[in-house]
PDB file of N, CA and C in Angstrom:
ATOM      1  N   UNK A   1      31.114  -9.161  -3.895  1.00  0.00           N
ATOM      2  CA  UNK A   1      30.253 -10.457  -4.108  1.00  0.00           C
ATOM      3  C   UNK A   1      31.042 -10.903  -5.733  1.00  0.00           C
ATOM      4  N   UNK A   2      30.324 -12.635  -5.296  1.00  0.00           N
ATOM      5  CA  UNK A   2      30.543 -13.251  -6.002  1.00  0.00           C
ATOM      6  C   UNK A   2      30.131 -13.142  -7.774  1.00  0.00           C
ATOM      7  N   UNK A   3      31.156 -12.694  -8.408  1.00  0.00           N
ATOM      8  CA  UNK A   3      30.323 -12.758  -9.725  1.00  0.00           C
ATOM      9  C   UNK A   3      29.820 -13.779 -10.821  1.00  0.00           C
ATOM     10  N   UNK A   4      29.066 -13.718 -11.286  1.00  0.00           N
ATOM     11  CA  UNK A   4      28.134 -14.315 -11.622  1.00  0.00           C
ATOM     12  C   UNK A   4      28.565 -14.509 -12.755  1.00  0.00           C
ATOM     13  N   UNK A   5      28.985 -16.193 -13.310  1.00  0.00           N
ATOM     14  CA  UNK A   5      29.388 -16.728 -14.601  1.00  0.00           C
ATOM     15  C   UNK A   5      28.455 -16.900 -15.582  1.00  0.00           C
ATOM     16  N   UNK A   6      28.258 -17.009 -16.427  1.00  0.00           N
ATOM     17  CA  UNK A   6      27.366 -17.479 -17.517  1.00  0.00           C
ATOM     18  C   UNK A   6      27.047 -16.571 -18.443  1.00  0.00           C
ATOM     19  N   UNK A   7      25.890 -16.579 -19.832  1.00  0.00           N
ATOM     20  CA  UNK A   7      25.268 -15.774 -19.836  1.00  0.00           C
ATOM     21  C   UNK A   7      24.581 -14.622 -18.762  1.00  0.00           C
ATOM     22  N   UNK A   8      23.877 -13.619 -19.593  1.00  0.00           N
ATOM     23  CA  UNK A   8      22.796 -12.350 -18.581  1.00  0.00           C
ATOM     24  C   UNK A   8      21.098 -13.635 -18.617  1.00  0.00           C
ATOM     25  N   UNK A   9      20.300 -13.547 -17.576  1.00  0.00           N
ATOM     26  CA  UNK A   9      19.223 -13.886 -18.282  1.00  0.00           C
ATOM     27  C   UNK A   9      18.764 -12.840 -18.954  1.00  0.00           C
ATOM     28  N   UNK A  10      17.275 -13.687 -19.793  1.00  0.00           N
ATOM     29  CA  UNK A  10      16.521 -12.597 -20.129  1.00  0.00           C
ATOM     30  C   UNK A  10      16.006 -11.710 -19.525  1.00  0.00           C
ATOM     31  N   UNK A  11      15.809 -10.680 -20.852  1.00  0.00           N
ATOM     32  CA  UNK A  11      15.097  -9.579 -20.054  1.00  0.00           C
ATOM     33  C   UNK A  11      13.528  -9.586 -20.329  1.00  0.00           C
ATOM     34  N   UNK A  12      12.938  -8.509 -19.015  1.00  0.00           N
ATOM     35  CA  UNK A  12      11.319  -8.594 -19.104  1.00  0.00           C
ATOM     36  C   UNK A  12      11.078  -8.380 -20.724  1.00  0.00           C
ATOM     37  N   UNK A  13      11.046  -7.496 -22.087  1.00  0.00           N
ATOM     38  CA  UNK A  13      10.850  -7.616 -23.309  1.00  0.00           C
ATOM     39  C   UNK A  13      11.009  -8.859 -24.172  1.00  0.00           C
ATOM     40  N   UNK A  14      12.342  -9.677 -23.253  1.00  0.00           N
ATOM     41  CA  UNK A  14      12.344 -10.951 -24.316  1.00  0.00           C
ATOM     42  C   UNK A  14      10.750 -11.537 -23.073  1.00  0.00           C
ATOM     43  N   UNK A  15      10.648 -11.341 -22.526  1.00  0.00           N
ATOM     44  CA  UNK A  15       9.780 -13.191 -22.217  1.00  0.00           C
ATOM     45  C   UNK A  15       9.046 -12.551 -22.702  1.00  0.00           C
ATOM     46  N   UNK A  16       8.287 -10.695 -22.165  1.00  0.00           N
ATOM     47  CA  UNK A  16       7.257 -10.567 -23.398  1.00  0.00           C
ATOM     48  C   UNK A  16       6.968 -11.250 -24.879  1.00  0.00           C
ATOM     49  N   UNK A  17       7.569 -11.024 -25.489  1.00  0.00           N
ATOM     50  CA  UNK A  17       7.916 -11.741 -27.049  1.00  0.00           C
ATOM     51  C   UNK A  17       7.182 -12.874 -26.934  1.00  0.00           C
ATOM     52  N   UNK A  18       8.690 -13.667 -25.568  1.00  0.00           N
ATOM     53  CA  UNK A  18       7.955 -15.021 -26.174  1.00  0.00           C
ATOM     54  C   UNK A  18       6.827 -15.720 -25.973  1.00  0.00           C
ATOM     55  N   UNK A  19       6.031 -14.948 -24.426  1.00  0.00           N
ATOM     56  CA  UNK A  19       5.810 -15.742 -23.469  1.00  0.00           C
ATOM     57  C   UNK A  19       3.743 -14.951 -24.216  1.00  0.00           C
ATOM     58  N   UNK A  20       4.279 -13.845 -24.906  1.00  0.00           N
ATOM     59  CA  UNK A  20       2.316 -12.958 -25.221  1.00  0.00           C
ATOM     60  C   UNK A  20       0.817 -13.768 -25.225  1.00  0.00           C
ATOM     61  N   UNK A  21       1.753 -14.417 -26.250  1.00  0.00           N
ATOM     62  CA  UNK A  21       0.607 -15.568 -26.596  1.00  0.00           C
ATOM     63  C   UNK A  21      -0.461 -16.212 -26.138  1.00  0.00           C
ATOM     64  N   UNK A  22       0.723 -16.046 -24.126  1.00  0.00           N
ATOM     65  CA  UNK A  22      -0.283 -17.272 -23.885  1.00  0.00           C
ATOM     66  C   UNK A  22      -0.513 -16.443 -22.552  1.00  0.00           C
ATOM     67  N   UNK A  23      -0.401 -15.374 -22.638  1.00  0.00           N
ATOM     68  CA  UNK A  23      -1.097 -14.616 -20.888  1.00  0.00           C
ATOM     69  C   UNK A  23      -2.214 -13.329 -21.797  1.00  0.00           C
ATOM     70  N   UNK A  24      -3.317 -13.368 -20.433  1.00  0.00           N
ATOM     71  CA  UNK A  24      -4.117 -12.892 -20.543  1.00  0.00           C
ATOM     72  C   UNK A  24      -3.943 -12.322 -19.634  1.00  0.00           C
ATOM     73  N   UNK A  25      -4.860 -11.277 -19.061  1.00  0.00           N
ATOM     74  CA  UNK A  25      -5.460 -10.582 -18.540  1.00  0.00           C
ATOM     75  C   UNK A  25      -7.418 -10.311 -18.252  1.00  0.00           C
ATOM     76  N   UNK A  26      -7.681 -10.540 -17.071  1.00  0.00           N
ATOM     77  CA  UNK A  26      -8.882 -10.333 -16.464  1.00  0.00           C
ATOM     78  C   UNK A  26      -9.024  -9.307 -15.836  1.00  0.00           C
ATOM     79  N   UNK A  27     -10.009  -8.654 -15.588  1.00  0.00           N
ATOM     80  CA  UNK A  27     -10.698  -7.867 -14.582  1.00  0.00           C
ATOM     81  C   UNK A  27     -12.208  -8.168 -14.153  1.00  0.00           C
ATOM     82  N   UNK A  28     -12.488  -7.829 -12.818  1.00  0.00           N
ATOM     83  CA  UNK A  28     -13.671  -7.632 -12.465  1.00  0.00           C
ATOM     84  C   UNK A  28     -14.129  -6.195 -12.451  1.00  0.00           C
ATOM     85  N   UNK A  29     -15.146  -5.775 -12.386  1.00  0.00           N
ATOM     86  CA  UNK A  29     -15.537  -4.456 -11.556  1.00  0.00           C
ATOM     87  C   UNK A  29     -16.553  -3.975 -11.979  1.00  0.00           C
ATOM     88  N   UNK A  30     -16.811  -3.540 -10.959  1.00  0.00           N
ATOM     89  CA  UNK A  30     -18.633  -2.396 -10.777  1.00  0.00           C
ATOM     90  C   UNK A  30     -19.106  -1.716 -11.702  1.00  0.00           C
ATOM     91  N   UNK A  31     -19.980  -1.545 -12.325  1.00  0.00           N
ATOM     92  CA  UNK A  31     -20.478  -0.883 -13.361  1.00  0.00           C
ATOM     93  C   UNK A  31     -22.251  -0.115 -12.635  1.00  0.00           C
ATOM     94  N   UNK A  32     -22.223   0.963 -12.054  1.00  0.00           N
ATOM     95  CA  UNK A  32     -23.144   1.375 -11.368  1.00  0.00           C
ATOM     96  C   UNK A  32     -24.063   1.793 -12.597  1.00  0.00           C
ATOM     97  N   UNK A  33     -26.460   1.512 -12.821  1.00  0.00           N
ATOM     98  CA  UNK A  33     -26.682   1.091 -13.689  1.00  0.00           C
ATOM     99  C   UNK A  33     -27.792   2.798 -13.657  1.00  0.00           C
ATOM    100  N   UNK A  34     -28.104   3.800 -14.473  1.00  0.00           N
ATOM    101  CA  UNK A  34     -29.429   4.539 -14.400  1.00  0.00           C
ATOM    102  C   UNK A  34     -30.159   4.766 -13.336  1.00  0.00           C
ATOM    103  N   UNK A  35     -30.297   3.223 -12.886  1.00  0.00           N
ATOM    104  CA  UNK A  35     -31.421   2.945 -11.451  1.00  0.00           C
ATOM    105  C   UNK A  35     -30.852   3.193 -10.804  1.00  0.00           C
ATOM    106  N   UNK A  36     -29.166   3.401 -10.144  1.00  0.00           N
ATOM    107  CA  UNK A  36     -28.075   3.396  -8.934  1.00  0.00           C
ATOM    108  C   UNK A  36     -28.436   1.484  -8.529  1.00  0.00           C
ATOM    109  N   UNK A  37     -28.274   0.986  -9.619  1.00  0.00           N
ATOM    110  CA  UNK A  37     -27.509  -0.461  -9.294  1.00  0.00           C
ATOM    111  C   UNK A  37     -26.495  -1.214  -9.158  1.00  0.00           C
ATOM    112  N   UNK A  38     -25.699  -2.009  -8.854  1.00  0.00           N
ATOM    113  CA  UNK A  38     -25.133  -1.940  -9.182  1.00  0.00           C
ATOM    114  C   UNK A  38     -24.605  -3.429 -10.051  1.00  0.00           C
ATOM    115  N   UNK A  39     -24.096  -3.654 -11.605  1.00  0.00           N
ATOM    116  CA  UNK A  39     -23.778  -4.877 -12.275  1.00  0.00           C
ATOM    117  C   UNK A  39     -22.579  -4.553 -12.116  1.00  0.00           C
ATOM    118  N   UNK A  40     -22.146  -6.370 -11.828  1.00  0.00           N
ATOM    119  CA  UNK A  40     -20.376  -6.589 -12.101  1.00  0.00           C
ATOM    120  C   UNK A  40     -20.128  -7.551 -13.453  1.00  0.00           C
ATOM    121  N   UNK A  41     -19.427  -6.263 -13.502  1.00  0.00           N
ATOM    122  CA  UNK A  41     -18.930  -7.446 -14.947  1.00  0.00           C
ATOM    123  C   UNK A  41     -17.372  -7.635 -14.778  1.00  0.00           C
ATOM    124  N   UNK A  42     -17.663  -9.168 -15.649  1.00  0.00           N
ATOM    125  CA  UNK A  42     -16.337  -9.666 -15.786  1.00  0.00           C
ATOM    126  C   UNK A  42     -15.506  -9.511 -17.338  1.00  0.00           C
ATOM    127  N   UNK A  43     -13.972  -9.132 -17.592  1.00  0.00           N
ATOM    128  CA  UNK A  43     -13.188  -9.131 -18.866  1.00  0.00           C
ATOM    129  C   UNK A  43     -12.410 -10.000 -19.233  1.00  0.00           C
ATOM    130  N   UNK A  44     -12.137 -10.104 -20.433  1.00  0.00           N
ATOM    131  CA  UNK A  44     -10.625 -11.444 -20.278  1.00  0.00           C
ATOM    132  C   UNK A  44      -9.903 -10.991 -21.913  1.00  0.00           C
ATOM    133  N   UNK A  45      -9.123 -10.840 -21.806  1.00  0.00           N
ATOM    134  CA  UNK A  45      -8.390  -9.442 -23.145  1.00  0.00           C
ATOM    135  C   UNK A  45      -7.023 -10.579 -22.777  1.00  0.00           C
ATOM    136  N   UNK A  46      -7.049 -11.156 -24.167  1.00  0.00           N
ATOM    137  CA  UNK A  46      -5.297 -11.689 -24.167  1.00  0.00           C
ATOM    138  C   UNK A  46      -4.628 -10.417 -25.110  1.00  0.00           C
ATOM    139  N   UNK A  47      -3.390 -10.766 -24.035  1.00  0.00           N
ATOM    140  CA  UNK A  47      -2.205  -9.349 -24.527  1.00  0.00           C
ATOM    141  C   UNK A  47      -1.631  -9.755 -25.652  1.00  0.00           C
ATOM    142  N   UNK A  48      -1.473 -10.523 -26.283  1.00  0.00           N
ATOM    143  CA  UNK A  48      -1.092 -10.566 -27.877  1.00  0.00           C
ATOM    144  C   UNK A  48      -1.662  -9.771 -28.994  1.00  0.00           C
ATOM    145  N   UNK A  49      -2.402  -9.677 -28.758  1.00  0.00           N
ATOM    146  CA  UNK A  49      -3.386  -8.913 -30.216  1.00  0.00           C
ATOM    147  C   UNK A  49      -4.124  -7.689 -29.142  1.00  0.00           C
ATOM    148  N   UNK A  50      -4.576  -8.144 -27.994  1.00  0.00           N
ATOM    149  CA  UNK A  50      -5.588  -7.201 -27.192  1.00  0.00           C
ATOM    150  C   UNK A  50      -6.787  -8.366 -28.036  1.00  0.00           C
ATOM    151  N   UNK A  51      -7.438  -9.032 -27.385  1.00  0.00           N
ATOM    152  CA  UNK A  51      -8.477  -9.182 -28.443  1.00  0.00           C
ATOM    153  C   UNK A  51      -9.134  -9.320 -27.260  1.00  0.00           C
ATOM    154  N   UNK A  52     -10.297  -8.516 -27.807  1.00  0.00           N
ATOM    155  CA  UNK A  52     -11.719  -9.508 -26.352  1.00  0.00           C
ATOM    156  C   UNK A  52     -12.332 -10.891 -26.467  1.00  0.00           C
ATOM    157  N   UNK A  53     -11.412 -11.520 -25.610  1.00  0.00           N
ATOM    158  CA  UNK A  53     -11.814 -13.305 -25.062  1.00  0.00           C
ATOM    159  C   UNK A  53     -13.486 -13.727 -25.035  1.00  0.00           C
ATOM    160  N   UNK A  54     -13.401 -13.137 -23.706  1.00  0.00           N
ATOM    161  CA  UNK A  54     -14.617 -12.473 -22.704  1.00  0.00           C
ATOM    162  C   UNK A  54     -15.865 -12.042 -21.674  1.00  0.00           C
ATOM    163  N   UNK A  55     -15.981 -11.498 -22.048  1.00  0.00           N
ATOM    164  CA  UNK A  55     -17.313 -10.613 -21.335  1.00  0.00           C
ATOM    165  C   UNK A  55     -19.197 -10.992 -20.708  1.00  0.00           C
ATOM    166  N   UNK A  56     -19.222 -11.144 -19.520  1.00  0.00           N
ATOM    167  CA  UNK A  56     -20.127 -10.884 -18.702  1.00  0.00           C
ATOM    168  C   UNK A  56     -20.915  -9.977 -17.662  1.00  0.00           C
ATOM    169  N   UNK A  57     -21.817  -9.898 -17.458  1.00  0.00           N
ATOM    170  CA  UNK A  57     -22.626  -9.450 -16.596  1.00  0.00           C
ATOM    171  C   UNK A  57     -23.134 -10.340 -16.105  1.00  0.00           C
ATOM    172  N   UNK A  58     -23.368  -9.210 -14.322  1.00  0.00           N
ATOM    173  CA  UNK A  58     -24.130 -10.506 -13.407  1.00  0.00           C
ATOM    174  C   UNK A  58     -24.628  -9.240 -12.222  1.00  0.00           C
ATOM    175  N   UNK A  59     -25.905  -9.665 -11.778  1.00  0.00           N
ATOM    176  CA  UNK A  59     -26.295  -8.705  -9.976  1.00  0.00           C
ATOM    177  C   UNK A  59     -25.136  -9.150  -8.653  1.00  0.00           C
ATOM    178  N   UNK A  60     -25.044 -10.402  -8.972  1.00  0.00           N
ATOM    179  CA  UNK A  60     -25.368 -11.209  -7.483  1.00  0.00           C
ATOM    180  C   UNK A  60     -23.609 -12.869  -8.397  1.00  0.00           C
ATOM    181  N   UNK A  61     -21.958 -11.857  -8.322  1.00  0.00           N
ATOM    182  CA  UNK A  61     -21.596 -12.431  -8.800  1.00  0.00           C
ATOM    183  C   UNK A  61     -20.922 -13.672  -7.627  1.00  0.00           C
ATOM    184  N   UNK A  62     -19.913 -14.738  -7.364  1.00  0.00           N
ATOM    185  CA  UNK A  62     -19.851 -15.789  -6.821  1.00  0.00           C
ATOM    186  C   UNK A  62     -18.465 -16.224  -7.000  1.00  0.00           C
ATOM    187  N   UNK A  63     -18.150 -16.732  -6.376  1.00  0.00           N
ATOM    188  CA  UNK A  63     -16.831 -17.031  -6.716  1.00  0.00           C
ATOM    189  C   UNK A  63     -17.338 -18.140  -7.862  1.00  0.00           C
ATOM    190  N   UNK A  64     -18.130 -19.518  -7.725  1.00  0.00           N
ATOM    191  CA  UNK A  64     -18.839 -20.509  -9.102  1.00  0.00           C
ATOM    192  C   UNK A  64     -18.884 -19.469  -9.661  1.00  0.00           C
ATOM    193  N   UNK A  65     -19.290 -18.836 -10.308  1.00  0.00           N
ATOM    194  CA  UNK A  65     -19.572 -17.408 -11.396  1.00  0.00           C
ATOM    195  C   UNK A  65     -18.550 -17.368 -12.094  1.00  0.00           C
ATOM    196  N   UNK A  66     -17.742 -16.599 -11.285  1.00  0.00           N
ATOM    197  CA  UNK A  66     -16.256 -16.303 -12.355  1.00  0.00           C
ATOM    198  C   UNK A  66     -15.379 -18.013 -12.496  1.00  0.00           C
ATOM    199  N   UNK A  67     -15.122 -18.879 -11.348  1.00  0.00           N
ATOM    200  CA  UNK A  67     -15.177 -20.017 -12.042  1.00  0.00           C
ATOM    201  C   UNK A  67     -15.526 -20.149 -13.379  1.00  0.00           C
ATOM    202  N   UNK A  68     -16.836 -20.529 -13.598  1.00  0.00           N
ATOM    203  CA  UNK A  68     -17.913 -20.255 -15.386  1.00  0.00           C
ATOM    204  C   UNK A  68     -17.288 -19.690 -16.327  1.00  0.00           C
ATOM    205  N   UNK A  69     -16.689 -18.440 -15.816  1.00  0.00           N
ATOM    206  CA  UNK A  69     -16.165 -17.285 -16.637  1.00  0.00           C
ATOM    207  C   UNK A  69     -15.287 -17.982 -17.844  1.00  0.00           C
ATOM    208  N   UNK A  70     -14.235 -18.038 -17.013  1.00  0.00           N
ATOM    209  CA  UNK A  70     -13.141 -17.971 -16.624  1.00  0.00           C
ATOM    210  C   UNK A  70     -13.079 -20.155 -17.737  1.00  0.00           C
ATOM    211  N   UNK A  71     -13.658 -20.994 -16.849  1.00  0.00           N
ATOM    212  CA  UNK A  71     -13.656 -21.770 -17.425  1.00  0.00           C
ATOM    213  C   UNK A  71     -14.067 -21.668 -19.150  1.00  0.00           C
ATOM    214  N   UNK A  72     -15.771 -20.799 -19.351  1.00  0.00           N
ATOM    215  CA  UNK A  72     -16.436 -20.802 -20.695  1.00  0.00           C
ATOM    216  C   UNK A  72     -15.104 -19.527 -21.638  1.00  0.00           C
ATOM    217  N   UNK A  73     -14.470 -18.906 -20.711  1.00  0.00           N
ATOM    218  CA  UNK A  73     -13.639 -18.670 -21.817  1.00  0.00           C
ATOM    219  C   UNK A  73     -11.816 -18.956 -22.465  1.00  0.00           C
ATOM    220  N   UNK A  74     -11.421 -20.227 -21.351  1.00  0.00           N
ATOM    221  CA  UNK A  74     -11.030 -21.441 -21.827  1.00  0.00           C
ATOM    222  C   UNK A  74     -11.372 -22.076 -22.068  1.00  0.00           C
ATOM    223  N   UNK A  75     -12.019 -22.722 -22.815  1.00  0.00           N
ATOM    224  CA  UNK A  75     -11.946 -24.252 -23.440  1.00  0.00           C
ATOM    225  C   UNK A  75     -10.948 -25.146 -23.243  1.00  0.00           C
ATOM    226  N   UNK A  76     -11.092 -26.219 -23.011  1.00  0.00           N
ATOM    227  CA  UNK A  76     -10.252 -27.328 -22.965  1.00  0.00           C
ATOM    228  C   UNK A  76      -9.138 -27.058 -24.450  1.00  0.00           C
ATOM    229  N   UNK A  77     -10.479 -27.742 -25.194  1.00  0.00           N
ATOM    230  CA  UNK A  77     -10.301 -28.337 -26.337  1.00  0.00           C
ATOM    231  C   UNK A  77     -10.660 -27.172 -27.353  1.00  0.00           C
TER     232      UNK A  77
END
């Protein structure tokens, strides 16, 4: 094997420290109700401070609905 020249690449911890303010986690999960109906919850959390950015619930999620939730959670201005 050829030895690598130059400084080693950054580690995972360094990457997270530099980029955590710009990273968010999103989840869409099913919540059963007491009446055996299903609700779909969409949640967005910022990773740097573990802040809840956005939450919404629907009975019939579509790709358009999810896209609107992401747009509402991260406005451009």
